[in-house]
Each structure stands twice: as structure tokens, then as C-alpha cells.
Amino acid sequence: MTSQSQGIQQLLQAEKRAKDKLEEAKKRKGKRLKQAKEEATAEIDHYRLQREKEFRSKQTNVMGSQGNLSAKIEEQTTETIRNLTSSYHRNMESMMKKLMNTICDIRPEIHPNFRDAV
């Protein structure tokens, strides 16, 4: 009888050790999955930063040339406005005199198509 109870005790202890080993393996697996996830996240972040850096570089190259183009266009526009303004101020006085002379210089004449009703 004692050998049977001793055998049962050994079986229970072996079952407990197996259960402990199984739990330990599950914990190691969980840690390894967590570590793999962290490594993958770090690798993804590194790749994302690298690609964003390349994108910014290309964007700077493209937008830099467009920025120069827009600066040139703005400079030309400013120059044109300045020229038009100076031309306006130069010619305003003479045009006002011509306009006033045309308006105020009235010469009454009979239109050539007008026929006397007589």
C-alpha cells in the first residue's frame, strides 16, 4: 500500500513539475513574443524615419526650385506694378488736361446729315 501511495505521490509531483515547466515555457514564449514585437516596432520606426528623411530631401529639392520660381514671379510682378505706378504718376497730369480740354472745348456744329425741313 505504501508503494502505491508513494507511486501516486511521485506521479503528482511529476505532474506538478510538468505543469510548472509548461507555465515557464508559456512565460518565456510571451516574453519572446513581446521582445519580437518591440524589435519589429523599432525596425518599423527606423524605416519610417529613413523614408521620411528621403521624402523631405526630395520635397526640398522640388519645392526649392518652385520656391525660386515663385520668388522670381513675385519679383517680376512687383517690378511691373512699380513701372505701372510710375507711368501713371508721370502721365496723369497730361491726360487730365487732355480730358478736360476735350470735355470743355465745345464747338457747336450742324451735323452733315441734318437737312433743312424747308
N, C-alpha and C. Protein backbone atom coordinates (compact mmCIF):
# COMPACT_ATOMS: atom_id res chain seq x y z
N MET A 1 0.80 -1.17 0.00
CA MET A 1 0.00 0.00 0.00
C MET A 1 0.85 1.25 0.00
N THR A 2 1.90 1.20 0.74
CA THR A 2 2.77 2.35 0.79
C THR A 2 3.45 2.59 -0.54
N SER A 3 3.70 1.52 -1.24
CA SER A 3 4.34 1.71 -2.54
C SER A 3 3.35 2.34 -3.52
N GLN A 4 2.08 2.01 -3.37
CA GLN A 4 1.07 2.63 -4.24
C GLN A 4 0.94 4.11 -3.92
N SER A 5 0.89 4.47 -2.64
CA SER A 5 0.77 5.86 -2.29
C SER A 5 2.05 6.62 -2.64
N GLN A 6 3.17 5.92 -2.51
CA GLN A 6 4.43 6.52 -2.91
C GLN A 6 4.45 6.75 -4.42
N GLY A 7 3.94 5.81 -5.18
CA GLY A 7 3.85 5.94 -6.64
C GLY A 7 2.91 7.08 -7.04
N ILE A 8 1.80 7.19 -6.30
CA ILE A 8 0.84 8.27 -6.59
C ILE A 8 1.49 9.61 -6.28
N GLN A 9 2.23 9.68 -5.16
CA GLN A 9 2.93 10.92 -4.80
C GLN A 9 3.93 11.30 -5.88
N GLN A 10 4.64 10.33 -6.37
CA GLN A 10 5.63 10.60 -7.42
C GLN A 10 4.93 11.11 -8.69
N LEU A 11 3.81 10.48 -9.01
CA LEU A 11 3.05 10.92 -10.19
C LEU A 11 2.54 12.36 -10.01
N LEU A 12 2.03 12.66 -8.82
CA LEU A 12 1.55 14.01 -8.56
C LEU A 12 2.69 15.03 -8.64
N GLN A 13 3.84 14.64 -8.10
CA GLN A 13 5.00 15.54 -8.17
C GLN A 13 5.47 15.73 -9.61
N ALA A 14 5.48 14.64 -10.36
CA ALA A 14 5.88 14.74 -11.77
C ALA A 14 4.89 15.60 -12.55
N GLU A 15 3.61 15.42 -12.24
CA GLU A 15 2.59 16.24 -12.91
C GLU A 15 2.78 17.71 -12.55
N LYS A 16 3.09 18.00 -11.28
CA LYS A 16 3.30 19.38 -10.85
C LYS A 16 4.53 19.97 -11.55
N ARG A 17 5.63 19.20 -11.64
CA ARG A 17 6.83 19.69 -12.33
C ARG A 17 6.54 19.96 -13.80
N ALA A 18 5.75 19.08 -14.42
CA ALA A 18 5.40 19.27 -15.84
C ALA A 18 4.56 20.53 -16.00
N LYS A 19 3.63 20.72 -15.07
CA LYS A 19 2.79 21.92 -15.13
C LYS A 19 3.64 23.18 -14.95
N ASP A 20 4.58 23.14 -14.00
CA ASP A 20 5.48 24.28 -13.79
C ASP A 20 6.33 24.56 -15.03
N LYS A 21 6.84 23.49 -15.64
CA LYS A 21 7.65 23.65 -16.85
C LYS A 21 6.81 24.25 -17.98
N LEU A 22 5.58 23.79 -18.08
CA LEU A 22 4.68 24.31 -19.11
C LEU A 22 4.40 25.80 -18.89
N GLU A 23 4.14 26.17 -17.63
CA GLU A 23 3.91 27.58 -17.32
C GLU A 23 5.15 28.42 -17.61
N GLU A 24 6.31 27.89 -17.26
CA GLU A 24 7.57 28.60 -17.52
C GLU A 24 7.78 28.77 -19.03
N ALA A 25 7.47 27.72 -19.79
CA ALA A 25 7.61 27.82 -21.25
C ALA A 25 6.65 28.86 -21.82
N LYS A 26 5.42 28.92 -21.29
CA LYS A 26 4.46 29.92 -21.74
C LYS A 26 4.96 31.32 -21.43
N LYS A 27 5.55 31.51 -20.24
CA LYS A 27 6.09 32.81 -19.87
C LYS A 27 7.24 33.20 -20.80
N ARG A 28 8.15 32.26 -21.09
CA ARG A 28 9.26 32.55 -22.00
C ARG A 28 8.74 32.89 -23.40
N LYS A 29 7.71 32.14 -23.83
CA LYS A 29 7.12 32.41 -25.14
C LYS A 29 6.52 33.81 -25.17
N GLY A 30 5.79 34.19 -24.12
CA GLY A 30 5.19 35.52 -24.03
C GLY A 30 6.26 36.62 -24.05
N LYS A 31 7.34 36.39 -23.28
CA LYS A 31 8.43 37.36 -23.26
C LYS A 31 9.07 37.49 -24.65
N ARG A 32 9.26 36.35 -25.29
CA ARG A 32 9.90 36.35 -26.62
C ARG A 32 9.00 37.05 -27.64
N LEU A 33 7.68 36.81 -27.58
CA LEU A 33 6.76 37.50 -28.48
C LEU A 33 6.77 39.00 -28.24
N LYS A 34 6.80 39.39 -26.96
CA LYS A 34 6.85 40.81 -26.62
C LYS A 34 8.15 41.42 -27.13
N GLN A 35 9.25 40.73 -26.95
CA GLN A 35 10.54 41.21 -27.42
C GLN A 35 10.56 41.32 -28.95
N ALA A 36 10.01 40.33 -29.62
CA ALA A 36 9.95 40.37 -31.09
C ALA A 36 9.09 41.53 -31.57
N LYS A 37 7.99 41.77 -30.88
CA LYS A 37 7.12 42.89 -31.24
C LYS A 37 7.84 44.22 -31.06
N GLU A 38 8.57 44.38 -29.95
CA GLU A 38 9.33 45.60 -29.71
C GLU A 38 10.41 45.79 -30.77
N GLU A 39 11.11 44.70 -31.12
CA GLU A 39 12.14 44.79 -32.16
C GLU A 39 11.52 45.19 -33.51
N ALA A 40 10.37 44.59 -33.83
CA ALA A 40 9.70 44.92 -35.09
C ALA A 40 9.25 46.38 -35.10
N THR A 41 8.71 46.85 -33.97
CA THR A 41 8.29 48.24 -33.87
C THR A 41 9.48 49.18 -34.04
N ALA A 42 10.59 48.85 -33.41
CA ALA A 42 11.79 49.68 -33.54
C ALA A 42 12.28 49.69 -34.99
N GLU A 43 12.26 48.55 -35.63
CA GLU A 43 12.68 48.47 -37.02
C GLU A 43 11.75 49.26 -37.94
N ILE A 44 10.46 49.16 -37.69
CA ILE A 44 9.47 49.93 -38.47
C ILE A 44 9.68 51.42 -38.27
N ASP A 45 9.89 51.85 -37.03
CA ASP A 45 10.14 53.27 -36.76
C ASP A 45 11.41 53.76 -37.46
N HIS A 46 12.45 52.95 -37.41
CA HIS A 46 13.70 53.32 -38.09
C HIS A 46 13.47 53.44 -39.59
N TYR A 47 12.76 52.49 -40.17
CA TYR A 47 12.48 52.53 -41.61
C TYR A 47 11.62 53.75 -41.96
N ARG A 48 10.60 54.01 -41.13
CA ARG A 48 9.72 55.17 -41.37
C ARG A 48 10.51 56.47 -41.33
N LEU A 49 11.39 56.62 -40.32
CA LEU A 49 12.21 57.83 -40.22
C LEU A 49 13.12 57.98 -41.44
N GLN A 50 13.68 56.87 -41.88
CA GLN A 50 14.56 56.91 -43.05
C GLN A 50 13.79 57.35 -44.29
N ARG A 51 12.61 56.79 -44.50
CA ARG A 51 11.81 57.15 -45.67
C ARG A 51 11.32 58.60 -45.58
N GLU A 52 10.93 59.06 -44.39
CA GLU A 52 10.51 60.45 -44.22
C GLU A 52 11.66 61.40 -44.52
N LYS A 53 12.86 61.02 -44.10
CA LYS A 53 14.04 61.84 -44.37
C LYS A 53 14.28 61.93 -45.87
N GLU A 54 14.18 60.81 -46.57
CA GLU A 54 14.33 60.81 -48.02
C GLU A 54 13.25 61.65 -48.68
N PHE A 55 12.01 61.52 -48.19
CA PHE A 55 10.89 62.30 -48.74
C PHE A 55 11.13 63.79 -48.55
N ARG A 56 11.53 64.18 -47.34
CA ARG A 56 11.80 65.60 -47.08
C ARG A 56 12.91 66.13 -47.98
N SER A 57 13.92 65.29 -48.20
CA SER A 57 15.02 65.70 -49.07
C SER A 57 14.52 65.94 -50.48
N LYS A 58 13.74 65.00 -51.01
CA LYS A 58 13.19 65.16 -52.36
C LYS A 58 12.24 66.35 -52.42
N GLN A 59 11.42 66.51 -51.38
CA GLN A 59 10.47 67.62 -51.34
C GLN A 59 11.21 68.95 -51.32
N THR A 60 12.30 69.02 -50.56
CA THR A 60 13.09 70.24 -50.51
C THR A 60 13.68 70.55 -51.87
N ASN A 61 14.17 69.52 -52.56
CA ASN A 61 14.73 69.73 -53.90
C ASN A 61 13.67 70.26 -54.85
N VAL A 62 12.49 69.64 -54.84
CA VAL A 62 11.42 70.05 -55.75
C VAL A 62 10.86 71.40 -55.35
N MET A 63 10.53 71.55 -54.08
CA MET A 63 9.92 72.79 -53.61
C MET A 63 10.93 73.94 -53.63
N GLY A 64 12.21 73.60 -53.47
CA GLY A 64 13.23 74.64 -53.54
C GLY A 64 13.25 75.28 -54.91
N SER A 65 13.17 74.47 -55.96
CA SER A 65 13.15 75.04 -57.30
C SER A 65 11.85 75.78 -57.54
N GLN A 66 10.74 75.30 -57.01
CA GLN A 66 9.48 76.01 -57.14
C GLN A 66 9.50 77.29 -56.33
N GLY A 67 10.18 77.25 -55.18
CA GLY A 67 10.31 78.44 -54.36
C GLY A 67 11.08 79.52 -55.10
N ASN A 68 12.15 79.13 -55.80
CA ASN A 68 12.90 80.10 -56.59
C ASN A 68 12.02 80.65 -57.70
N LEU A 69 11.24 79.79 -58.32
CA LEU A 69 10.36 80.22 -59.40
C LEU A 69 9.32 81.20 -58.88
N SER A 70 8.71 80.89 -57.76
CA SER A 70 7.70 81.80 -57.21
C SER A 70 8.33 83.12 -56.77
N ALA A 71 9.56 83.07 -56.28
CA ALA A 71 10.24 84.31 -55.90
C ALA A 71 10.51 85.17 -57.13
N LYS A 72 10.90 84.53 -58.22
CA LYS A 72 11.13 85.27 -59.47
C LYS A 72 9.83 85.89 -59.98
N ILE A 73 8.75 85.13 -59.95
CA ILE A 73 7.45 85.64 -60.41
C ILE A 73 7.01 86.81 -59.54
N GLU A 74 7.18 86.68 -58.24
CA GLU A 74 6.78 87.78 -57.34
C GLU A 74 7.62 89.02 -57.60
N GLU A 75 8.91 88.83 -57.85
CA GLU A 75 9.79 89.95 -58.15
C GLU A 75 9.37 90.65 -59.45
N GLN A 76 9.04 89.85 -60.45
CA GLN A 76 8.59 90.42 -61.73
C GLN A 76 7.27 91.18 -61.54
N THR A 77 6.38 90.61 -60.77
CA THR A 77 5.09 91.27 -60.52
C THR A 77 5.30 92.60 -59.80
N THR A 78 6.14 92.61 -58.81
CA THR A 78 6.43 93.84 -58.07
C THR A 78 7.04 94.89 -59.00
N GLU A 79 7.95 94.48 -59.86
CA GLU A 79 8.58 95.39 -60.82
C GLU A 79 7.54 95.96 -61.78
N THR A 80 6.65 95.12 -62.28
CA THR A 80 5.60 95.57 -63.21
C THR A 80 4.68 96.58 -62.52
N ILE A 81 4.29 96.28 -61.30
CA ILE A 81 3.43 97.21 -60.54
C ILE A 81 4.14 98.54 -60.33
N ARG A 82 5.40 98.49 -59.99
CA ARG A 82 6.18 99.71 -59.79
C ARG A 82 6.24 100.52 -61.09
N ASN A 83 6.47 99.86 -62.23
CA ASN A 83 6.52 100.55 -63.52
C ASN A 83 5.18 101.19 -63.87
N LEU A 84 4.09 100.44 -63.65
CA LEU A 84 2.77 100.98 -63.95
C LEU A 84 2.44 102.17 -63.06
N THR A 85 2.80 102.09 -61.80
CA THR A 85 2.53 103.19 -60.88
C THR A 85 3.31 104.44 -61.28
N SER A 86 4.58 104.25 -61.62
CA SER A 86 5.38 105.42 -62.03
C SER A 86 4.85 106.01 -63.34
N SER A 87 4.43 105.15 -64.28
CA SER A 87 3.86 105.63 -65.54
C SER A 87 2.57 106.39 -65.27
N TYR A 88 1.75 105.91 -64.37
CA TYR A 88 0.50 106.58 -64.01
C TYR A 88 0.80 107.97 -63.47
N HIS A 89 1.73 108.07 -62.55
CA HIS A 89 2.03 109.38 -61.96
C HIS A 89 2.65 110.34 -62.99
N ARG A 90 3.46 109.83 -63.91
CA ARG A 90 4.05 110.68 -64.94
C ARG A 90 3.01 111.22 -65.90
N ASN A 91 2.05 110.38 -66.31
CA ASN A 91 1.11 110.75 -67.36
C ASN A 91 -0.23 111.26 -66.86
N MET A 92 -0.47 111.21 -65.58
CA MET A 92 -1.77 111.58 -65.05
C MET A 92 -2.09 113.05 -65.35
N GLU A 93 -1.15 113.94 -65.10
CA GLU A 93 -1.39 115.37 -65.28
C GLU A 93 -1.73 115.69 -66.74
N SER A 94 -0.93 115.19 -67.67
CA SER A 94 -1.18 115.50 -69.09
C SER A 94 -2.50 114.88 -69.57
N MET A 95 -2.82 113.68 -69.10
CA MET A 95 -4.08 113.05 -69.52
C MET A 95 -5.29 113.80 -68.95
N MET A 96 -5.18 114.29 -67.73
CA MET A 96 -6.28 115.05 -67.14
C MET A 96 -6.50 116.34 -67.93
N LYS A 97 -5.40 116.99 -68.35
CA LYS A 97 -5.54 118.22 -69.15
C LYS A 97 -6.20 117.92 -70.49
N LYS A 98 -5.76 116.83 -71.15
CA LYS A 98 -6.37 116.45 -72.43
C LYS A 98 -7.85 116.14 -72.26
N LEU A 99 -8.18 115.42 -71.23
CA LEU A 99 -9.57 115.06 -70.98
C LEU A 99 -10.42 116.30 -70.70
N MET A 100 -9.92 117.18 -69.87
CA MET A 100 -10.66 118.40 -69.55
C MET A 100 -10.81 119.29 -70.79
N ASN A 101 -9.78 119.38 -71.61
CA ASN A 101 -9.88 120.16 -72.85
C ASN A 101 -10.92 119.57 -73.79
N THR A 102 -10.94 118.27 -73.90
CA THR A 102 -11.90 117.61 -74.77
C THR A 102 -13.32 117.83 -74.27
N ILE A 103 -13.51 117.75 -72.98
CA ILE A 103 -14.84 117.92 -72.40
C ILE A 103 -15.29 119.37 -72.46
N CYS A 104 -14.39 120.30 -72.15
CA CYS A 104 -14.77 121.71 -72.05
C CYS A 104 -14.75 122.45 -73.39
N ASP A 105 -14.04 121.96 -74.34
CA ASP A 105 -13.94 122.64 -75.64
C ASP A 105 -15.09 122.17 -76.52
N ILE A 106 -16.19 122.89 -76.43
CA ILE A 106 -17.38 122.52 -77.19
C ILE A 106 -17.47 123.43 -78.41
N ARG A 107 -17.56 122.84 -79.57
CA ARG A 107 -17.74 123.58 -80.82
C ARG A 107 -19.07 123.14 -81.42
N PRO A 108 -20.06 123.97 -81.29
CA PRO A 108 -21.36 123.57 -81.84
C PRO A 108 -21.31 123.57 -83.37
N GLU A 109 -21.70 122.48 -83.97
CA GLU A 109 -21.75 122.35 -85.43
C GLU A 109 -23.00 121.60 -85.80
N ILE A 110 -23.44 121.83 -87.00
CA ILE A 110 -24.58 121.09 -87.50
C ILE A 110 -24.04 119.83 -88.14
N HIS A 111 -24.69 118.80 -87.83
CA HIS A 111 -24.26 117.51 -88.36
C HIS A 111 -24.48 117.49 -89.86
N PRO A 112 -23.57 116.89 -90.61
CA PRO A 112 -23.69 116.88 -92.06
C PRO A 112 -24.95 116.18 -92.58
N ASN A 113 -25.50 115.27 -91.84
CA ASN A 113 -26.69 114.54 -92.26
C ASN A 113 -27.98 115.32 -91.98
N PHE A 114 -27.86 116.41 -91.26
CA PHE A 114 -29.04 117.19 -90.93
C PHE A 114 -29.51 117.94 -92.18
N ARG A 115 -30.75 117.82 -92.54
CA ARG A 115 -31.31 118.50 -93.70
C ARG A 115 -32.35 119.51 -93.23
N ASP A 116 -32.34 120.60 -93.87
CA ASP A 116 -33.36 121.60 -93.51
C ASP A 116 -34.71 121.10 -93.94
N ALA A 117 -35.66 121.30 -93.11
CA ALA A 117 -37.01 120.89 -93.43
C ALA A 117 -37.67 121.89 -94.36
N VAL A 118 -37.02 122.92 -94.72
CA VAL A 118 -37.63 123.97 -95.55
C VAL A 118 -37.71 123.57 -96.97
